[in-house]
Structures are given as structure tokens and as C-alpha cells.
Amino acid sequence: MTYQKAVQYLYSLIDYEKSPMRYTDLKLERMRELVERIGNPQHAFPVILIAGTKGKGSTAYFLMRLLSAWGMKCGFHSKPHLFTFRERIRIGETCITPQDVAFLVDYLIPIVKEMERNSPFGRPTYFEVTVALAFLYFSWHKVDVAVVEVGLGGRLDATNVCDPQLTIITPISFDHMEILGGTLSAIAREKAGILRPHTKLILAPQEEEAYRTICEEARRKNVPVRFLKEWCSWNISTRNRSGSQFSWKINEWGEGEHALPILGDHQVQNFMTALLALKEWGFSFHEEKLTRALQGMHWPGRIELLSSHPLVIFDVAHNHASFLQLVRTLEDYLGCTKVLFLLGFLQGKEYEKIAQCITPLTERVILTQPLNPKAVTPWEIAHHFEEQGLPVEVIEDPFEAREIALHFAHHTQLPLVIAGSFYLAPPFSQEFSFLCEKEVELC
């Protein structure tokens, strides 16, 4: 089997997920059966499991960098990907090879078909097969530890079949409400489904409602909690387009002053969450190793500068809370006063709140349609932005929207900000610098 055929097969499993998803469609029993059939590879290595709404991918990336700098052979599972499926499964910075994807998919296909025929839970989903593939790969390569980003929710997520030795919950906000629930408490309860009795939780700052719910679940399961703000302090002294300079301290561990080459105050918090996790994993502070972890750090799509003249920024912000962070970072780190937004969204987002959030910074909005079956048609949501008095142009084809937006940015010298979905990345693939060879896959 070739890599291209393997990826085509994986994407064919998305058919199951194209229709509106009910939370009951997520069956942990089905994932348990799948990993049982392949020998439970998730038990072959220690796992750090990370859930949350905002910052879980960045926190996972930072933690992988830290563990690698401290000499660990670290598996890294993240989602979704920007350009190639291979981004989802890595050891350190190295993406899984095309040959290994093909080999493992070829191995999994008969098992998936057998479950489709005979399992009471039905055929595994794209995400479930992807997670199983990651676990197999990490087991095969005998990683020392795997940092695993949760997909949707936590309690019923496919990643939750592992037995984590440490859990992390990053900030929780409103997203996927049609699946996880319409209150922060309901969403937080699903995220807290990753907790294990007597297994330590690192908890990032939360809204009060989410905080109470997670603490209740932690007490119920006898989970020791390390609250980030109780154990860590930090102060940002410099903010610019190169990132931030900040001083920090972790009680009973270490302190210092360092530069983070990723934009945003929220990213400093995510980094401190990862640094506290490193401490709780049992490592001593080491200045040289920390410096090594920070050098060359690059996490694509997170308020990433694609061009300087004109200024072009791409961010995967896709809910109200992440747009608030984006606007704050555009102002504080890049000095933006007015920008051109190129936006596209999947279904079920807080379009009205997002429109209100960006209004003070917006000169013009171009709405387009991301390359995903769950994308919302821009005509459906244009009124949310027009009601804020914003000039709105709808261009459904994202490649055409790219050309028009870039022309407008060149002509006006306004910063261009692309945001709303991971699936807006392919039209800008040539502008991104990425860790593994780019091979844009449209699904």
C-alpha cells in the first residue's frame, strides 16, 4: 500500500462523521475493542493526557519540547493537522514517515473491516483509527513517554482508553456546545472525564463555573490537583513580533527569565503549564536544557506571521475565547489598530460574539468557506458581521478569497489576518514554514 492510498482510506472513514454528530455516537467501548484487537499498545508506555478548549495543542507541543530537551524519547499526538496527516503523530519534532503510515494502515484495515461486520459497536471512526495508529507507532518505537492531546471532550474521547500517569486541563470555554452541552459546567464535566483516581491533575486557570465542576470531579475521584496559579508565577516584560520576554518562578523547583518565540500572553501561560508538568513528572530544573527547549521553537498556525510586507497573520482561533486572545495579541504584540480579516468557520460557532469581538479592530471582513465538509456557508453567517456595521465581502472559494485579500492588503498596507478554522490553511501552504515536508491534503 502507498502512503497516498493509506491516507485516502483514512479519509474515507470521515463519511461516518459528516452527518451531525450526537455525543452518543462516541463509544469508548468501540475504541476499547479496537485497541484490544491490536494488543492494547497504549499500555506499553507512560501517557500524559491533555484536555481543554483553549491551549491544549500548544501546551502539548511545549511539553513535548521540554521532555525531549530533558532527554526523553517523546511521542506526540495532536489534532487536527494543517497540511498533512503525518503532523498528528510524531516522535519529538519528527513526523511519522509516509512508509510507516502505509504499513500501519495496511495492518489496521482488516481489523476495521472485521469490526464493521461483527462488532456490536460498529466500524471505528477516522479519529479512533488515527489514535490507534498513533498508539501502535509509539509502542513500536518504544517511546519513553507520550504526550497525547484529547480530541473532543474527554470522557468519551478515543484517547481516553489510555491510562495516564499525569493529566492536564487547559482553559475551558464554549465550543462544540451542540455535542458537549450548553453550559461551562457541562463542558467541564466532559473534559474532567480524563481524570483518574490518585493520578495528579495540573489545572490551568478557569472560569469559576468550570473551576467548581472540575474541582468537584477531582474530589470525587481522589485526584490530587496542582493549580497553576498557586505553584507558578510569571511576569511578561517585553511583547513584540518576535514573541515575549518573561520572568518566572515555580515553587520548590526553579526560576529564571526567558524568551518565548510564540506570540501571545496566553502562550506564556500554556508554556508555564507545560513547565509545571515537567516538574511534576519528576525532573529537576536545568537551565541549559530549558534554553535548548526554547531554541528553534515553532508551532505553526498559532498567530503565525506569514509575511511582513504586507503583514499577514494566520491563526487557528475558532471560538469566541480564542478570538479575544487573537485581538489582544494583534494589539499588544503587533501594534495593530485596523486589520483586514479573512474568516471561515465550521458549523456551530459563536458567530455573533466573534463579530462583536473583532469589530473595533476591523477595517473589512472577507468571509469564505474552509475546505471541510462541516464548513458553514459564508452567506449563512454574513449578517452577524453586517449587523456590527462591518463592510463584508463573501467569496466562497478560499483560493479566490486568498488572492483578493492579499491584493487588498498590498494596496492598503493593512495587516491581513486569516482565522476561524484549521481548514483555511491549505490556500496559504506556500507561506507556512513547517516541521515536516508539506504535502497539502484536502479532505
Protein backbone atom coordinates (compact mmCIF):
# COMPACT_ATOMS: atom_id res chain seq x y z
CA MET A 1 0.00 0.00 0.00
CA THR A 2 1.24 3.50 -0.82
CA TYR A 3 1.06 6.45 1.56
CA GLN A 4 -1.47 8.18 -0.71
CA LYS A 5 -3.79 5.15 -0.65
CA ALA A 6 -3.40 4.84 3.11
CA VAL A 7 -4.43 8.47 3.63
CA GLN A 8 -7.33 8.09 1.19
CA TYR A 9 -8.54 5.10 3.19
CA LEU A 10 -8.33 7.03 6.47
CA TYR A 11 -10.21 9.97 4.99
CA SER A 12 -12.90 7.59 3.70
CA LEU A 13 -13.75 6.88 7.34
CA ILE A 14 -14.76 10.52 7.77
CA ASP A 15 -18.01 9.70 5.97
CA TYR A 16 -19.33 8.50 9.31
CA GLU A 17 -18.70 11.92 10.81
CA LYS A 18 -20.09 14.12 8.04
CA SER A 19 -23.66 13.99 9.33
CA PRO A 20 -24.50 15.90 12.52
CA MET A 21 -22.80 14.10 15.40
CA ARG A 22 -24.56 13.10 18.58
CA TYR A 23 -22.46 12.63 21.68
CA THR A 24 -23.80 9.10 21.97
CA ASP A 25 -22.03 8.37 18.65
CA LEU A 26 -18.77 8.47 20.59
CA LYS A 27 -18.49 4.97 22.03
CA LEU A 28 -15.49 4.35 24.23
CA GLU A 29 -16.40 0.65 24.13
CA ARG A 30 -15.74 0.65 20.37
CA MET A 31 -12.30 2.18 20.87
CA ARG A 32 -11.57 -0.29 23.66
CA GLU A 33 -12.46 -3.15 21.34
CA LEU A 34 -10.22 -1.74 18.62
CA VAL A 35 -7.15 -1.42 20.85
CA GLU A 36 -7.87 -4.82 22.40
CA ARG A 37 -7.74 -6.36 18.92
CA ILE A 38 -4.30 -4.82 18.33
CA GLY A 39 -2.81 -5.77 21.69
CA ASN A 40 -3.52 -2.63 23.76
CA PRO A 41 -0.43 -0.73 22.62
CA GLN A 42 -1.47 2.29 24.74
CA HIS A 43 -0.31 0.41 27.84
CA ALA A 44 3.25 -0.01 26.54
CA PHE A 45 4.38 3.50 27.56
CA PRO A 46 3.50 6.22 30.10
CA VAL A 47 0.99 8.82 28.90
CA ILE A 48 0.37 12.46 29.75
CA LEU A 49 -3.19 13.25 28.65
CA ILE A 50 -4.19 16.87 27.91
CA ALA A 51 -7.78 18.12 27.59
CA GLY A 52 -9.29 21.60 27.41
CA THR A 53 -10.87 24.02 24.96
CA LYS A 54 -8.07 26.55 24.50
CA GLY A 55 -4.36 25.91 24.50
CA LYS A 56 -4.27 22.12 24.80
CA GLY A 57 -2.40 21.70 21.49
CA SER A 58 0.13 24.41 22.36
CA THR A 59 0.60 23.03 25.87
CA ALA A 60 1.14 19.55 24.43
CA TYR A 61 3.69 20.90 21.96
CA PHE A 62 5.58 22.82 24.65
CA LEU A 63 5.61 19.77 26.93
CA MET A 64 6.93 17.57 24.12
CA ARG A 65 9.74 20.08 23.54
CA LEU A 66 10.59 20.14 27.24
CA LEU A 67 10.57 16.37 27.71
CA SER A 68 12.71 15.95 24.59
CA ALA A 69 15.21 18.53 25.87
CA TRP A 70 15.42 16.59 29.13
CA GLY A 71 16.44 13.51 27.14
CA MET A 72 13.14 11.66 26.81
CA LYS A 73 12.11 9.88 23.62
CA CYS A 74 8.71 11.56 23.48
CA GLY A 75 5.74 10.54 21.39
CA PHE A 76 3.43 13.42 20.46
CA HIS A 77 -0.17 13.09 19.29
CA SER A 78 -2.01 16.27 18.24
CA LYS A 79 -5.01 17.20 16.11
CA PRO A 80 -6.20 18.37 13.71
CA HIS A 81 -3.43 18.83 11.16
CA LEU A 82 -2.75 21.85 8.98
CA PHE A 83 -1.36 20.24 5.83
CA THR A 84 -0.53 16.56 6.16
CA PHE A 85 -1.88 13.70 8.23
CA ARG A 86 1.67 13.00 9.36
CA GLU A 87 1.60 16.04 11.64
CA ARG A 88 -0.70 14.18 14.03
CA ILE A 89 1.86 11.55 15.01
CA ARG A 90 5.45 12.44 15.88
CA ILE A 91 8.40 11.43 17.97
CA GLY A 92 9.85 14.69 19.13
CA GLU A 93 9.73 17.05 16.16
CA THR A 94 9.89 14.22 13.62
CA CYS A 95 6.63 13.34 11.89
CA ILE A 96 5.74 9.73 11.23
CA THR A 97 7.13 8.67 7.83
CA PRO A 98 4.84 8.05 4.83
CA GLN A 99 6.09 4.45 4.77
CA ASP A 100 5.12 3.86 8.39
CA VAL A 101 1.65 5.37 7.84
CA ALA A 102 1.14 2.99 4.90
CA PHE A 103 2.42 -0.04 6.85
CA LEU A 104 0.25 0.61 9.90
CA VAL A 105 -2.90 1.42 7.92
CA ASP A 106 -2.41 -1.77 5.91
CA TYR A 107 -2.25 -3.64 9.22
CA LEU A 108 -5.37 -1.94 10.62
CA ILE A 109 -7.67 -2.27 7.59
CA PRO A 110 -8.64 -5.95 8.14
CA ILE A 111 -9.36 -5.24 11.81
CA VAL A 112 -11.55 -2.24 10.96
CA LYS A 113 -13.44 -4.31 8.36
CA GLU A 114 -13.94 -7.14 10.82
CA MET A 115 -15.38 -4.72 13.38
CA GLU A 116 -17.67 -3.24 10.72
CA ARG A 117 -19.04 -6.74 10.08
CA ASN A 118 -19.19 -8.17 13.58
CA SER A 119 -18.71 -5.61 16.32
CA PRO A 120 -21.85 -4.56 18.26
CA PHE A 121 -20.39 -1.03 18.26
CA GLY A 122 -19.88 -0.75 14.50
CA ARG A 123 -16.98 0.49 12.42
CA PRO A 124 -14.35 2.65 14.13
CA THR A 125 -14.28 6.31 13.14
CA TYR A 126 -11.47 8.20 11.43
CA PHE A 127 -10.30 9.66 14.73
CA GLU A 128 -10.43 6.33 16.54
CA VAL A 129 -8.34 4.62 13.87
CA THR A 130 -5.91 7.55 13.88
CA VAL A 131 -5.45 7.33 17.65
CA ALA A 132 -4.96 3.55 17.46
CA LEU A 133 -2.36 4.12 14.74
CA ALA A 134 -0.54 6.61 17.00
CA PHE A 135 -0.53 4.19 19.92
CA LEU A 136 0.84 1.42 17.70
CA TYR A 137 3.56 3.71 16.38
CA PHE A 138 4.63 4.85 19.85
CA SER A 139 4.67 1.26 21.10
CA TRP A 140 6.61 0.11 18.08
CA HIS A 141 9.25 2.81 18.62
CA LYS A 142 9.39 2.22 22.39
CA VAL A 143 8.90 5.83 23.41
CA ASP A 144 9.74 6.82 26.99
CA VAL A 145 6.54 8.84 27.29
CA ALA A 146 3.71 10.04 25.03
CA VAL A 147 2.07 13.46 25.23
CA VAL A 148 -1.46 12.94 23.94
CA GLU A 149 -3.88 15.74 23.05
CA VAL A 150 -7.52 14.82 23.59
CA GLY A 151 -9.83 15.20 20.59
CA LEU A 152 -13.41 16.11 21.55
CA GLY A 153 -14.45 16.44 25.17
CA GLY A 154 -12.62 13.86 27.22
CA ARG A 155 -14.90 11.32 28.87
CA LEU A 156 -15.83 9.52 25.64
CA ASP A 157 -12.85 10.58 23.53
CA ALA A 158 -10.85 7.82 21.85
CA THR A 159 -7.67 8.92 23.63
CA ASN A 160 -9.29 8.14 26.97
CA VAL A 161 -8.64 4.39 26.61
CA CYS A 162 -5.09 5.01 27.80
CA ASP A 163 -4.17 5.02 31.48
CA PRO A 164 -2.46 8.40 32.00
CA GLN A 165 0.16 8.93 34.66
CA LEU A 166 -0.47 12.68 34.59
CA THR A 167 -3.42 14.73 33.34
CA ILE A 168 -3.66 18.39 32.34
CA ILE A 169 -6.75 20.52 31.73
CA THR A 170 -6.19 23.82 29.95
CA PRO A 171 -8.76 26.67 29.96
CA ILE A 172 -12.32 25.65 29.13
CA SER A 173 -14.65 27.85 27.11
CA PHE A 174 -17.73 27.46 24.93
CA ASP A 175 -17.16 25.25 21.88
CA HIS A 176 -18.93 22.20 20.43
CA MET A 177 -21.93 23.08 22.62
CA GLU A 178 -24.24 21.03 20.39
CA ILE A 179 -22.25 17.95 21.43
CA LEU A 180 -20.76 18.67 24.87
CA GLY A 181 -23.54 20.80 26.37
CA GLY A 182 -24.62 24.41 26.59
CA THR A 183 -23.05 25.33 29.94
CA LEU A 184 -19.45 25.59 31.09
CA SER A 185 -20.25 23.12 33.83
CA ALA A 186 -21.46 20.51 31.35
CA ILE A 187 -18.42 21.02 29.11
CA ALA A 188 -16.06 20.90 32.09
CA ARG A 189 -17.60 17.66 33.33
CA GLU A 190 -16.88 16.03 29.98
CA LYS A 191 -13.30 17.33 29.99
CA ALA A 192 -12.85 16.04 33.54
CA GLY A 193 -13.64 12.56 32.24
CA ILE A 194 -9.88 12.11 31.71
CA LEU A 195 -9.22 12.21 35.46
CA ARG A 196 -8.03 9.02 37.18
CA PRO A 197 -8.19 8.24 40.90
CA HIS A 198 -4.98 9.27 42.69
CA THR A 199 -3.41 10.49 39.41
CA LYS A 200 -2.23 14.08 39.56
CA LEU A 201 -4.03 16.82 37.61
CA ILE A 202 -2.42 20.10 36.55
CA LEU A 203 -5.20 22.65 36.26
CA ALA A 204 -4.79 25.89 34.31
CA PRO A 205 -6.87 28.93 35.34
CA GLN A 206 -10.57 28.52 34.61
CA GLU A 207 -13.82 30.42 34.62
CA GLU A 208 -15.49 29.99 38.02
CA GLU A 209 -18.21 27.61 36.78
CA ALA A 210 -15.70 25.30 35.09
CA TYR A 211 -13.33 25.54 38.06
CA ARG A 212 -16.00 24.40 40.52
CA THR A 213 -17.05 21.47 38.35
CA ILE A 214 -13.52 20.20 37.79
CA CYS A 215 -12.69 20.50 41.49
CA GLU A 216 -15.85 18.56 42.37
CA GLU A 217 -14.86 15.78 39.97
CA ALA A 218 -11.31 15.78 41.33
CA ARG A 219 -12.55 15.44 44.92
CA ARG A 220 -14.96 12.69 43.95
CA LYS A 221 -12.14 10.68 42.33
CA ASN A 222 -9.47 11.50 44.95
CA VAL A 223 -7.38 13.33 42.36
CA PRO A 224 -4.54 15.50 43.70
CA VAL A 225 -4.62 18.87 41.93
CA ARG A 226 -1.77 21.23 41.16
CA PHE A 227 -3.30 24.65 40.48
CA LEU A 228 -1.10 26.56 38.05
CA LYS A 229 -1.52 29.96 39.72
CA GLU A 230 -0.73 28.52 43.18
CA TRP A 231 2.53 26.89 42.06
CA CYS A 232 3.71 29.28 39.37
CA SER A 233 4.16 32.99 38.86
CA TRP A 234 5.31 34.88 35.79
CA ASN A 235 5.66 38.43 34.54
CA ILE A 236 5.91 39.48 30.89
CA SER A 237 8.33 42.37 30.41
CA THR A 238 8.51 42.64 26.60
CA ARG A 239 5.98 41.96 23.83
CA ASN A 240 6.81 42.26 20.13
CA ARG A 241 6.53 40.35 16.86
CA SER A 242 9.39 38.06 17.94
CA GLY A 243 7.40 36.87 20.97
CA SER A 244 7.72 37.69 24.65
CA GLN A 245 10.38 38.07 27.32
CA PHE A 246 9.19 36.92 30.73
CA SER A 247 10.44 36.12 34.20
CA TRP A 248 9.01 33.12 36.02
CA LYS A 249 9.14 31.05 39.18
CA ILE A 250 7.85 27.60 40.14
CA ASN A 251 7.72 26.93 43.87
CA GLU A 252 10.23 24.41 45.14
CA TRP A 253 11.74 23.98 41.68
CA GLY A 254 13.31 26.90 39.83
CA GLU A 255 13.09 30.39 38.39
CA GLY A 256 14.53 32.39 35.52
CA GLU A 257 13.99 34.83 32.67
CA HIS A 258 13.49 33.58 29.13
CA ALA A 259 12.13 34.46 25.69
CA LEU A 260 9.20 32.57 24.17
CA PRO A 261 9.17 32.85 20.35
CA ILE A 262 5.40 32.29 20.12
CA LEU A 263 3.07 35.30 20.20
CA GLY A 264 0.54 35.91 22.94
CA ASP A 265 0.26 36.23 26.71
CA HIS A 266 -1.88 33.08 26.67
CA GLN A 267 1.06 31.17 25.21
CA VAL A 268 3.22 32.13 28.18
CA GLN A 269 0.53 30.61 30.41
CA ASN A 270 0.45 27.49 28.23
CA PHE A 271 4.24 27.25 28.49
CA MET A 272 4.11 27.57 32.28
CA THR A 273 1.50 24.80 32.37
CA ALA A 274 3.89 22.57 30.44
CA LEU A 275 6.81 23.58 32.66
CA LEU A 276 4.86 22.68 35.80
CA ALA A 277 4.04 19.32 34.19
CA LEU A 278 7.75 18.75 33.64
CA LYS A 279 8.36 19.36 37.34
CA GLU A 280 5.54 17.04 38.35
CA TRP A 281 6.93 14.35 36.05
CA GLY A 282 9.92 14.33 38.36
CA PHE A 283 12.62 16.28 36.53
CA SER A 284 14.94 18.75 38.24
CA PHE A 285 15.39 22.25 36.87
CA HIS A 286 18.25 22.59 34.38
CA GLU A 287 18.92 25.98 32.77
CA GLU A 288 20.76 24.64 29.72
CA LYS A 289 18.03 22.11 28.91
CA LEU A 290 15.31 24.73 29.26
CA THR A 291 17.20 27.05 26.91
CA ARG A 292 17.54 24.19 24.43
CA ALA A 293 13.77 23.52 24.55
CA LEU A 294 13.01 27.15 23.71
CA GLN A 295 15.50 27.49 20.87
CA GLY A 296 14.00 26.98 17.43
CA MET A 297 10.52 26.52 18.84
CA HIS A 298 7.89 26.86 16.12
CA TRP A 299 4.23 25.92 16.43
CA PRO A 300 2.51 26.67 13.08
CA GLY A 301 -0.85 28.36 12.83
CA ARG A 302 -0.78 29.98 16.26
CA ILE A 303 -0.80 33.70 15.48
CA GLU A 304 1.90 32.96 12.94
CA LEU A 305 3.45 35.68 10.83
CA LEU A 306 3.42 34.55 7.21
CA SER A 307 4.65 37.82 5.70
CA SER A 308 5.99 41.17 6.83
CA HIS A 309 5.18 43.33 3.78
CA PRO A 310 2.24 43.42 3.99
CA LEU A 311 1.81 41.91 7.43
CA VAL A 312 -0.04 38.58 7.07
CA ILE A 313 -1.01 36.55 10.13
CA PHE A 314 -2.65 33.12 10.32
CA ASP A 315 -4.32 31.83 13.48
CA VAL A 316 -6.44 28.77 14.16
CA ALA A 317 -8.76 30.73 16.51
CA HIS A 318 -12.24 29.34 16.04
CA ASN A 319 -14.33 30.27 19.08
CA HIS A 320 -15.12 33.48 20.94
CA ALA A 321 -12.49 33.00 23.66
CA SER A 322 -9.70 32.34 21.17
CA PHE A 323 -10.70 35.39 19.10
CA LEU A 324 -10.45 37.54 22.23
CA GLN A 325 -6.87 36.30 22.63
CA LEU A 326 -6.16 36.91 18.96
CA VAL A 327 -7.39 40.52 19.08
CA ARG A 328 -5.44 41.21 22.26
CA THR A 329 -2.26 39.78 20.74
CA LEU A 330 -2.67 41.74 17.49
CA GLU A 331 -2.84 44.93 19.56
CA ASP A 332 -0.20 44.15 22.21
CA TYR A 333 2.42 42.29 20.16
CA LEU A 334 1.98 43.68 16.64
CA GLY A 335 0.61 47.16 17.32
CA CYS A 336 -2.38 46.66 15.01
CA THR A 337 -5.08 49.32 15.03
CA LYS A 338 -7.04 48.27 11.95
CA VAL A 339 -6.86 44.98 10.03
CA LEU A 340 -8.43 43.09 7.17
CA PHE A 341 -9.94 39.80 8.33
CA LEU A 342 -10.26 36.76 6.07
CA LEU A 343 -12.53 34.41 8.01
CA GLY A 344 -14.07 30.99 7.51
CA PHE A 345 -15.75 28.72 10.04
CA LEU A 346 -17.10 25.27 10.64
CA GLN A 347 -20.67 24.86 11.82
CA GLY A 348 -21.82 25.63 15.35
CA LYS A 349 -19.57 28.55 16.30
CA GLU A 350 -20.45 31.73 18.20
CA TYR A 351 -20.52 33.91 15.09
CA GLU A 352 -22.30 36.87 16.69
CA LYS A 353 -19.88 37.04 19.64
CA ILE A 354 -16.89 36.69 17.32
CA ALA A 355 -18.21 39.53 15.15
CA GLN A 356 -18.64 41.74 18.22
CA CYS A 357 -15.15 40.84 19.42
CA ILE A 358 -13.33 41.84 16.22
CA THR A 359 -15.40 44.95 15.38
CA PRO A 360 -13.13 47.61 16.99
CA LEU A 361 -10.09 46.29 15.07
CA THR A 362 -11.75 45.60 11.72
CA GLU A 363 -11.48 47.65 8.54
CA ARG A 364 -13.06 44.97 6.33
CA VAL A 365 -14.16 41.31 6.51
CA ILE A 366 -13.89 38.74 3.74
CA LEU A 367 -15.88 35.59 4.51
CA THR A 368 -15.02 32.33 2.79
CA GLN A 369 -15.63 28.59 3.15
CA PRO A 370 -12.97 26.33 4.71
CA LEU A 371 -12.04 23.09 2.96
CA ASN A 372 -14.04 20.78 5.20
CA PRO A 373 -17.45 19.07 4.83
CA LYS A 374 -18.60 20.65 8.08
CA ALA A 375 -17.83 24.21 6.91
CA VAL A 376 -20.61 26.75 7.24
CA THR A 377 -21.55 28.61 4.05
CA PRO A 378 -20.37 32.23 4.43
CA TRP A 379 -23.71 33.56 3.19
CA GLU A 380 -25.34 31.97 6.26
CA ILE A 381 -23.29 33.99 8.73
CA ALA A 382 -22.59 37.26 6.88
CA HIS A 383 -25.45 39.03 8.65
CA HIS A 384 -23.74 38.62 12.06
CA PHE A 385 -20.87 40.78 10.82
CA GLU A 386 -23.02 43.20 8.81
CA GLU A 387 -25.13 43.89 11.93
CA GLN A 388 -21.96 45.23 13.58
CA GLY A 389 -21.64 47.76 10.75
CA LEU A 390 -18.66 45.98 9.19
CA PRO A 391 -18.02 46.00 5.43
CA VAL A 392 -18.41 42.36 4.41
CA GLU A 393 -17.49 40.60 1.18
CA VAL A 394 -18.41 36.95 0.60
CA ILE A 395 -16.12 34.84 -1.58
CA GLU A 396 -16.89 31.15 -1.18
CA ASP A 397 -13.76 29.78 -2.90
CA PRO A 398 -10.93 30.12 -0.34
CA PHE A 399 -8.24 30.26 -3.05
CA GLU A 400 -10.02 33.15 -4.77
CA ALA A 401 -10.57 34.76 -1.36
CA ARG A 402 -6.83 34.50 -0.70
CA GLU A 403 -5.96 36.35 -3.91
CA ILE A 404 -8.47 39.13 -3.31
CA ALA A 405 -7.44 39.53 0.33
CA LEU A 406 -3.74 39.66 -0.50
CA HIS A 407 -4.38 42.21 -3.27
CA PHE A 408 -6.39 44.39 -0.86
CA ALA A 409 -3.67 44.09 1.82
CA HIS A 410 -0.92 45.06 -0.66
CA HIS A 411 -2.95 48.01 -1.93
CA THR A 412 -3.90 49.38 1.50
CA GLN A 413 -0.89 48.11 3.53
CA LEU A 414 -3.38 46.88 6.11
CA PRO A 415 -2.43 43.75 8.08
CA LEU A 416 -4.28 40.67 6.79
CA VAL A 417 -5.47 38.24 9.48
CA ILE A 418 -6.68 34.77 8.42
CA ALA A 419 -8.63 32.97 11.15
CA GLY A 420 -11.65 30.84 12.00
CA SER A 421 -10.53 27.31 11.17
CA PHE A 422 -7.55 24.98 10.73
CA TYR A 423 -9.03 24.24 7.32
CA LEU A 424 -8.20 27.68 5.94
CA ALA A 425 -4.51 26.75 5.96
CA PRO A 426 -4.16 24.94 2.58
CA PRO A 427 -4.56 28.04 0.39
CA PHE A 428 -1.61 29.55 2.27
CA SER A 429 0.57 26.43 2.31
CA GLN A 430 3.43 28.08 0.41
CA GLU A 431 3.66 30.81 3.04
CA PHE A 432 3.96 28.47 6.03
CA SER A 433 7.25 27.09 7.29
CA PHE A 434 6.51 23.69 8.76
CA LEU A 435 8.40 20.96 10.54
CA CYS A 436 7.88 18.14 8.08
CA GLU A 437 7.73 18.17 4.31
CA LYS A 438 4.47 19.83 3.25
CA GLU A 439 2.05 17.81 1.21
CA VAL A 440 -1.30 19.56 1.26
CA GLU A 441 -4.09 17.04 1.69
CA LEU A 442 -7.62 18.27 1.11
CA CYS A 443 -10.41 16.26 2.68
